[in-house]
Amino acid sequence: MSRLTSLFACLCLFTAARAAGPGFHADLAYGAAAGVSLKLDASVPEGDGPFPVAILVHGGGWNSGDKANVGSEGRGADISPWFAPLTAAKFTWFSINYRMAPAHRWPACFEDVQTAIRWVKAHAAEFKGDPNRIAIFGHSAGGHLATLAGVLGAGDTRVQAVVGYAPVTDFEFELPARGGLGKALQDLHNQPKEPNPASLAILRGTAAINHVQPGLPPFLLLHGDADKTVPYQTSLNFQAKLRANGVPCELITIPGAPHGLLTWDKFLPGYQDKLIAWLRETLK
């Protein structure tokens, strides 16, 4: 019975996807886990395609945030600055929700991101997207999930480009400044504030900087040098590690910018044009 149910669900998804025309399509199911229906929003450009694809992973400390900014409007986890430039540049984009802590601890959120990549690869063409030209975006905690997906991706989870906005790539770097594990990491991993051998092993194993190796897809990092939430230095260190392994990595520094994305245009007008140009060159 469960097999029949699964097949029926897949058929429904396929039928809905094939009907997806230009415009915005909300709350499409890309999977289910632990009794949770995993949803994404899709934006499809006008025209024939196939168009390059972007998968968007919101931030919010692994415990908040939303694919469409519901409840995040104007806050640090607001990712609305991504939507219009990608739409204008004729990208098919998918913004995903994922399970969050503390109700769902690690690796639930990361598994959901991997599930979303697989789903997008399987269904991109039905949304006029090219499954061989996929970039994954992430901001802050979402940047952690996106960069980790980029360094660990293989086969059906490998993407062609990774874009990290103030991404968390090195947990140990932040421990002294935070006086141990912050509340978000405590909830995510069910670990105490004071670091111990078990929690340090978890932090090392889940940090993208510790999984860099040759042959990874190109990375683009964007980071404000006045960020008080995720240290700008971590992106410098991550870029250096990638380049030392022969992996292309560009860094757009937003001078004086804070952690949230909403004001970045004021600090570096036109930075989004640089982003789109990089994506077009990388995914051409």
Protein backbone atom coordinates (compact mmCIF):
# COMPACT_ATOMS: atom_id res chain seq x y z
CA MET A 1 0.00 0.00 0.00
CA SER A 2 2.81 2.42 0.87
CA ARG A 3 4.39 1.73 -2.53
CA LEU A 4 1.12 2.52 -4.31
CA THR A 5 0.74 5.69 -2.27
CA SER A 6 4.27 6.73 -3.17
CA LEU A 7 3.70 6.09 -6.86
CA PHE A 8 0.45 8.07 -6.77
CA ALA A 9 2.18 10.98 -5.07
CA CYS A 10 4.93 10.95 -7.69
CA LEU A 11 2.32 10.90 -10.47
CA CYS A 12 0.51 13.87 -8.93
CA LEU A 13 3.74 15.81 -8.67
CA PHE A 14 4.62 14.98 -12.26
CA THR A 15 1.20 16.06 -13.53
CA ALA A 16 1.31 19.32 -11.57
CA ALA A 17 4.83 20.05 -12.76
CA ARG A 18 4.02 19.49 -16.41
CA ALA A 19 1.21 22.02 -16.06
CA ALA A 20 3.55 24.67 -14.63
CA GLY A 21 3.60 27.65 -16.96
CA PRO A 22 5.38 30.99 -16.68
CA GLY A 23 4.98 32.75 -13.36
CA PHE A 24 5.00 31.82 -9.69
CA HIS A 25 3.93 28.44 -8.33
CA ALA A 26 3.64 28.17 -4.54
CA ASP A 27 3.83 25.28 -2.11
CA LEU A 28 4.81 22.41 -4.37
CA ALA A 29 5.75 19.26 -2.47
CA TYR A 30 9.27 18.03 -3.15
CA GLY A 31 9.26 15.25 -0.57
CA ALA A 32 8.19 14.16 2.90
CA ALA A 33 10.19 13.21 6.00
CA ALA A 34 9.28 12.45 9.60
CA GLY A 35 5.65 13.25 8.87
CA VAL A 36 6.50 16.67 7.40
CA SER A 37 5.54 17.64 3.86
CA LEU A 38 8.51 19.46 2.34
CA LYS A 39 7.47 22.42 0.18
CA LEU A 40 9.07 24.74 -2.33
CA ASP A 41 8.02 27.69 -4.46
CA ALA A 42 8.90 27.85 -8.16
CA SER A 43 9.33 30.79 -10.51
CA VAL A 44 9.27 30.08 -14.24
CA PRO A 45 10.39 32.67 -16.83
CA GLU A 46 8.57 33.58 -20.00
CA GLY A 47 10.05 31.95 -23.08
CA ASP A 48 11.01 28.52 -24.28
CA GLY A 49 14.12 27.77 -22.20
CA PRO A 50 15.79 25.70 -21.07
CA PHE A 51 16.84 28.25 -18.48
CA PRO A 52 19.59 28.03 -15.86
CA VAL A 53 18.30 27.02 -12.44
CA ALA A 54 18.79 28.40 -8.93
CA ILE A 55 17.86 26.59 -5.71
CA LEU A 56 17.39 29.07 -2.86
CA VAL A 57 18.00 28.11 0.79
CA HIS A 58 16.85 30.66 3.37
CA GLY A 59 18.72 31.41 6.57
CA GLY A 60 17.42 31.96 10.08
CA GLY A 61 19.73 30.06 12.41
CA TRP A 62 18.43 26.62 11.40
CA ASN A 63 15.32 27.36 13.51
CA SER A 64 13.40 30.05 11.61
CA GLY A 65 12.99 31.65 8.19
CA ASP A 66 10.79 30.82 5.24
CA LYS A 67 11.04 30.18 1.50
CA ALA A 68 8.71 33.09 0.75
CA ASN A 69 9.72 35.29 3.72
CA VAL A 70 6.49 34.70 5.62
CA GLY A 71 7.35 36.00 9.08
CA SER A 72 10.77 37.16 7.88
CA GLU A 73 9.80 40.36 6.10
CA GLY A 74 12.39 43.05 6.78
CA ARG A 75 14.37 40.84 9.14
CA GLY A 76 17.81 39.30 8.95
CA ALA A 77 16.52 36.15 7.26
CA ASP A 78 14.68 38.07 4.51
CA ILE A 79 15.90 36.70 1.16
CA SER A 80 13.58 38.80 -1.02
CA PRO A 81 16.56 40.59 -2.68
CA TRP A 82 17.20 37.35 -4.59
CA PHE A 83 13.85 37.04 -6.29
CA ALA A 84 13.63 39.96 -8.73
CA PRO A 85 17.21 39.76 -10.14
CA LEU A 86 16.91 36.03 -10.84
CA THR A 87 13.50 36.50 -12.44
CA ALA A 88 14.75 39.39 -14.60
CA ALA A 89 17.79 37.34 -15.65
CA LYS A 90 15.48 34.50 -16.77
CA PHE A 91 16.43 31.89 -14.23
CA THR A 92 14.04 29.17 -13.22
CA TRP A 93 14.31 29.32 -9.45
CA PHE A 94 13.06 27.20 -6.60
CA SER A 95 12.94 28.50 -3.02
CA ILE A 96 12.75 25.71 -0.47
CA ASN A 97 11.61 25.16 3.08
CA TYR A 98 13.27 22.49 5.21
CA ARG A 99 12.80 20.97 8.65
CA MET A 100 14.09 23.16 11.48
CA ALA A 101 15.50 22.75 14.96
CA PRO A 102 14.87 22.01 17.73
CA ALA A 103 11.91 19.90 16.60
CA HIS A 104 14.12 18.38 13.89
CA ARG A 105 17.78 18.16 14.73
CA TRP A 106 20.79 17.63 12.48
CA PRO A 107 21.00 16.22 9.85
CA ALA A 108 17.30 16.75 9.02
CA CYS A 109 17.76 20.18 7.40
CA PHE A 110 20.74 19.04 5.34
CA GLU A 111 18.99 15.88 4.21
CA ASP A 112 16.08 18.04 3.04
CA VAL A 113 18.41 20.24 0.98
CA GLN A 114 19.83 17.13 -0.68
CA THR A 115 16.30 15.87 -1.33
CA ALA A 116 15.45 19.22 -2.93
CA ILE A 117 18.48 19.02 -5.23
CA ARG A 118 17.45 15.57 -6.38
CA TRP A 119 13.86 16.72 -6.95
CA VAL A 120 14.93 19.79 -8.90
CA LYS A 121 17.22 17.71 -11.11
CA ALA A 122 14.40 15.30 -11.82
CA HIS A 123 11.78 18.01 -12.47
CA ALA A 124 13.72 21.03 -13.76
CA ALA A 125 12.76 20.45 -17.39
CA GLU A 126 9.08 20.52 -16.45
CA PHE A 127 9.66 24.10 -15.26
CA LYS A 128 11.70 25.05 -18.36
CA GLY A 129 14.90 24.60 -16.35
CA ASP A 130 18.15 22.95 -17.39
CA PRO A 131 19.04 20.15 -14.92
CA ASN A 132 22.69 20.42 -16.00
CA ARG A 133 22.98 24.11 -15.03
CA ILE A 134 22.04 24.38 -11.37
CA ALA A 135 23.34 26.88 -8.82
CA ILE A 136 22.49 26.59 -5.13
CA PHE A 137 22.12 29.79 -3.07
CA GLY A 138 22.19 30.16 0.70
CA HIS A 139 22.33 32.98 3.23
CA SER A 140 23.80 32.60 6.73
CA ALA A 141 22.57 29.24 8.09
CA GLY A 142 21.17 28.60 4.62
CA GLY A 143 24.64 29.47 3.32
CA HIS A 144 26.00 26.75 5.58
CA LEU A 145 23.60 24.23 4.06
CA ALA A 146 24.32 25.41 0.51
CA THR A 147 28.11 25.40 0.83
CA LEU A 148 28.06 22.02 2.58
CA ALA A 149 25.88 20.66 -0.21
CA GLY A 150 28.41 22.07 -2.65
CA VAL A 151 31.46 20.41 -1.09
CA LEU A 152 29.72 17.08 -0.39
CA GLY A 153 27.61 16.85 -3.53
CA ALA A 154 28.14 13.85 -5.78
CA GLY A 155 26.06 12.16 -8.44
CA ASP A 156 22.43 13.17 -8.05
CA THR A 157 23.27 15.85 -5.43
CA ARG A 158 26.07 17.58 -7.32
CA VAL A 159 25.40 21.11 -8.57
CA GLN A 160 27.30 23.27 -11.06
CA ALA A 161 27.73 26.40 -8.93
CA VAL A 162 27.45 27.49 -5.29
CA VAL A 163 26.58 31.01 -4.08
CA GLY A 164 27.04 31.75 -0.38
CA TYR A 165 25.80 34.99 1.17
CA ALA A 166 27.58 35.48 4.51
CA PRO A 167 27.69 31.69 4.80
CA VAL A 168 28.61 29.83 7.96
CA THR A 169 31.56 27.73 6.78
CA ASP A 170 33.68 27.32 9.95
CA PHE A 171 32.01 26.80 13.33
CA GLU A 172 35.21 26.55 15.36
CA PHE A 173 36.35 30.00 14.24
CA GLU A 174 33.36 31.53 16.00
CA LEU A 175 33.55 29.63 19.28
CA PRO A 176 35.87 32.06 21.17
CA ALA A 177 33.78 35.11 20.25
CA ARG A 178 30.54 33.38 21.21
CA GLY A 179 31.91 31.82 24.38
CA GLY A 180 31.04 28.34 23.14
CA LEU A 181 28.13 27.02 21.14
CA GLY A 182 25.41 29.58 20.52
CA LYS A 183 21.78 28.78 21.23
CA ALA A 184 21.10 27.92 17.58
CA LEU A 185 23.86 25.32 17.48
CA GLN A 186 22.83 23.94 20.86
CA ASP A 187 19.33 23.38 19.52
CA LEU A 188 20.51 22.04 16.17
CA HIS A 189 22.84 19.41 17.64
CA ASN A 190 21.39 18.91 21.13
CA GLN A 191 24.74 19.85 22.64
CA PRO A 192 25.65 22.07 25.62
CA LYS A 193 27.13 25.54 25.34
CA GLU A 194 30.52 24.45 26.66
CA PRO A 195 32.44 22.66 23.87
CA ASN A 196 33.37 19.04 24.48
CA PRO A 197 35.03 16.37 22.32
CA ALA A 198 31.68 15.16 20.98
CA SER A 199 30.39 18.60 20.03
CA LEU A 200 33.72 19.66 18.51
CA ALA A 201 33.67 16.54 16.33
CA ILE A 202 30.16 17.46 15.17
CA LEU A 203 31.13 21.06 14.38
CA ARG A 204 34.21 19.97 12.45
CA GLY A 205 32.30 17.34 10.52
CA THR A 206 29.51 19.71 9.49
CA ALA A 207 31.66 22.70 8.45
CA ALA A 208 32.20 23.12 4.70
CA ILE A 209 35.79 24.31 5.14
CA ASN A 210 36.76 20.88 6.43
CA HIS A 211 35.49 19.08 3.31
CA VAL A 212 37.20 21.12 0.60
CA GLN A 213 38.92 19.03 -2.05
CA PRO A 214 39.92 19.39 -5.70
CA GLY A 215 37.22 19.01 -8.33
CA LEU A 216 34.42 20.94 -6.63
CA PRO A 217 32.10 23.26 -8.57
CA PRO A 218 32.89 27.01 -8.67
CA PHE A 219 31.92 29.10 -5.65
CA LEU A 220 30.87 32.73 -5.32
CA LEU A 221 30.88 34.26 -1.84
CA LEU A 222 29.25 37.58 -0.92
CA HIS A 223 29.90 39.03 2.53
CA GLY A 224 29.65 42.37 4.29
CA ASP A 225 32.90 43.31 6.02
CA ALA A 226 30.93 44.82 8.91
CA ASP A 227 29.00 41.60 9.58
CA LYS A 228 28.57 41.10 13.34
CA THR A 229 26.84 37.73 13.04
CA VAL A 230 29.07 35.66 10.75
CA PRO A 231 32.69 36.90 10.67
CA TYR A 232 33.83 38.21 7.30
CA GLN A 233 37.20 36.53 7.90
CA THR A 234 35.57 33.11 7.57
CA SER A 235 34.74 33.80 3.93
CA LEU A 236 38.32 34.94 3.31
CA ASN A 237 39.57 31.72 4.88
CA PHE A 238 37.09 29.58 2.93
CA GLN A 239 38.05 31.25 -0.35
CA ALA A 240 41.74 30.62 0.38
CA LYS A 241 41.09 26.95 1.14
CA LEU A 242 39.08 26.48 -2.06
CA ARG A 243 41.69 28.18 -4.23
CA ALA A 244 44.49 26.19 -2.60
CA ASN A 245 42.67 23.09 -3.84
CA GLY A 246 42.25 24.44 -7.35
CA VAL A 247 38.55 25.26 -6.94
CA PRO A 248 37.43 28.55 -8.54
CA CYS A 249 36.11 30.94 -5.90
CA GLU A 250 35.29 34.63 -6.18
CA LEU A 251 34.46 36.88 -3.25
CA ILE A 252 32.35 40.03 -3.54
CA THR A 253 32.98 42.16 -0.47
CA ILE A 254 30.14 44.51 0.49
CA PRO A 255 32.01 47.39 2.24
CA GLY A 256 30.42 48.38 5.55
CA ALA A 257 27.44 46.05 5.10
CA PRO A 258 25.79 44.14 7.96
CA HIS A 259 24.63 40.54 8.00
CA GLY A 260 21.14 41.02 6.55
CA LEU A 261 20.76 41.43 2.78
CA LEU A 262 18.14 44.17 2.62
CA THR A 263 20.55 47.13 2.69
CA TRP A 264 23.43 45.71 0.67
CA ASP A 265 22.50 47.74 -2.41
CA LYS A 266 23.15 50.93 -0.44
CA PHE A 267 26.68 49.82 0.40
CA LEU A 268 27.61 48.45 -3.03
CA PRO A 269 25.18 49.53 -5.76
CA GLY A 270 25.13 47.09 -8.64
CA TYR A 271 26.54 44.13 -6.75
CA GLN A 272 23.63 42.04 -8.01
CA ASP A 273 24.76 42.70 -11.58
CA LYS A 274 28.13 41.16 -10.70
CA LEU A 275 26.32 38.16 -9.27
CA ILE A 276 24.24 37.62 -12.41
CA ALA A 277 27.30 38.07 -14.64
CA TRP A 278 29.18 35.44 -12.63
CA LEU A 279 26.25 33.03 -12.82
CA ARG A 280 25.90 33.46 -16.58
CA GLU A 281 29.60 32.89 -17.16
CA THR A 282 29.76 29.91 -14.80
CA LEU A 283 26.61 28.24 -16.10
CA LYS A 284 27.00 29.07 -19.79
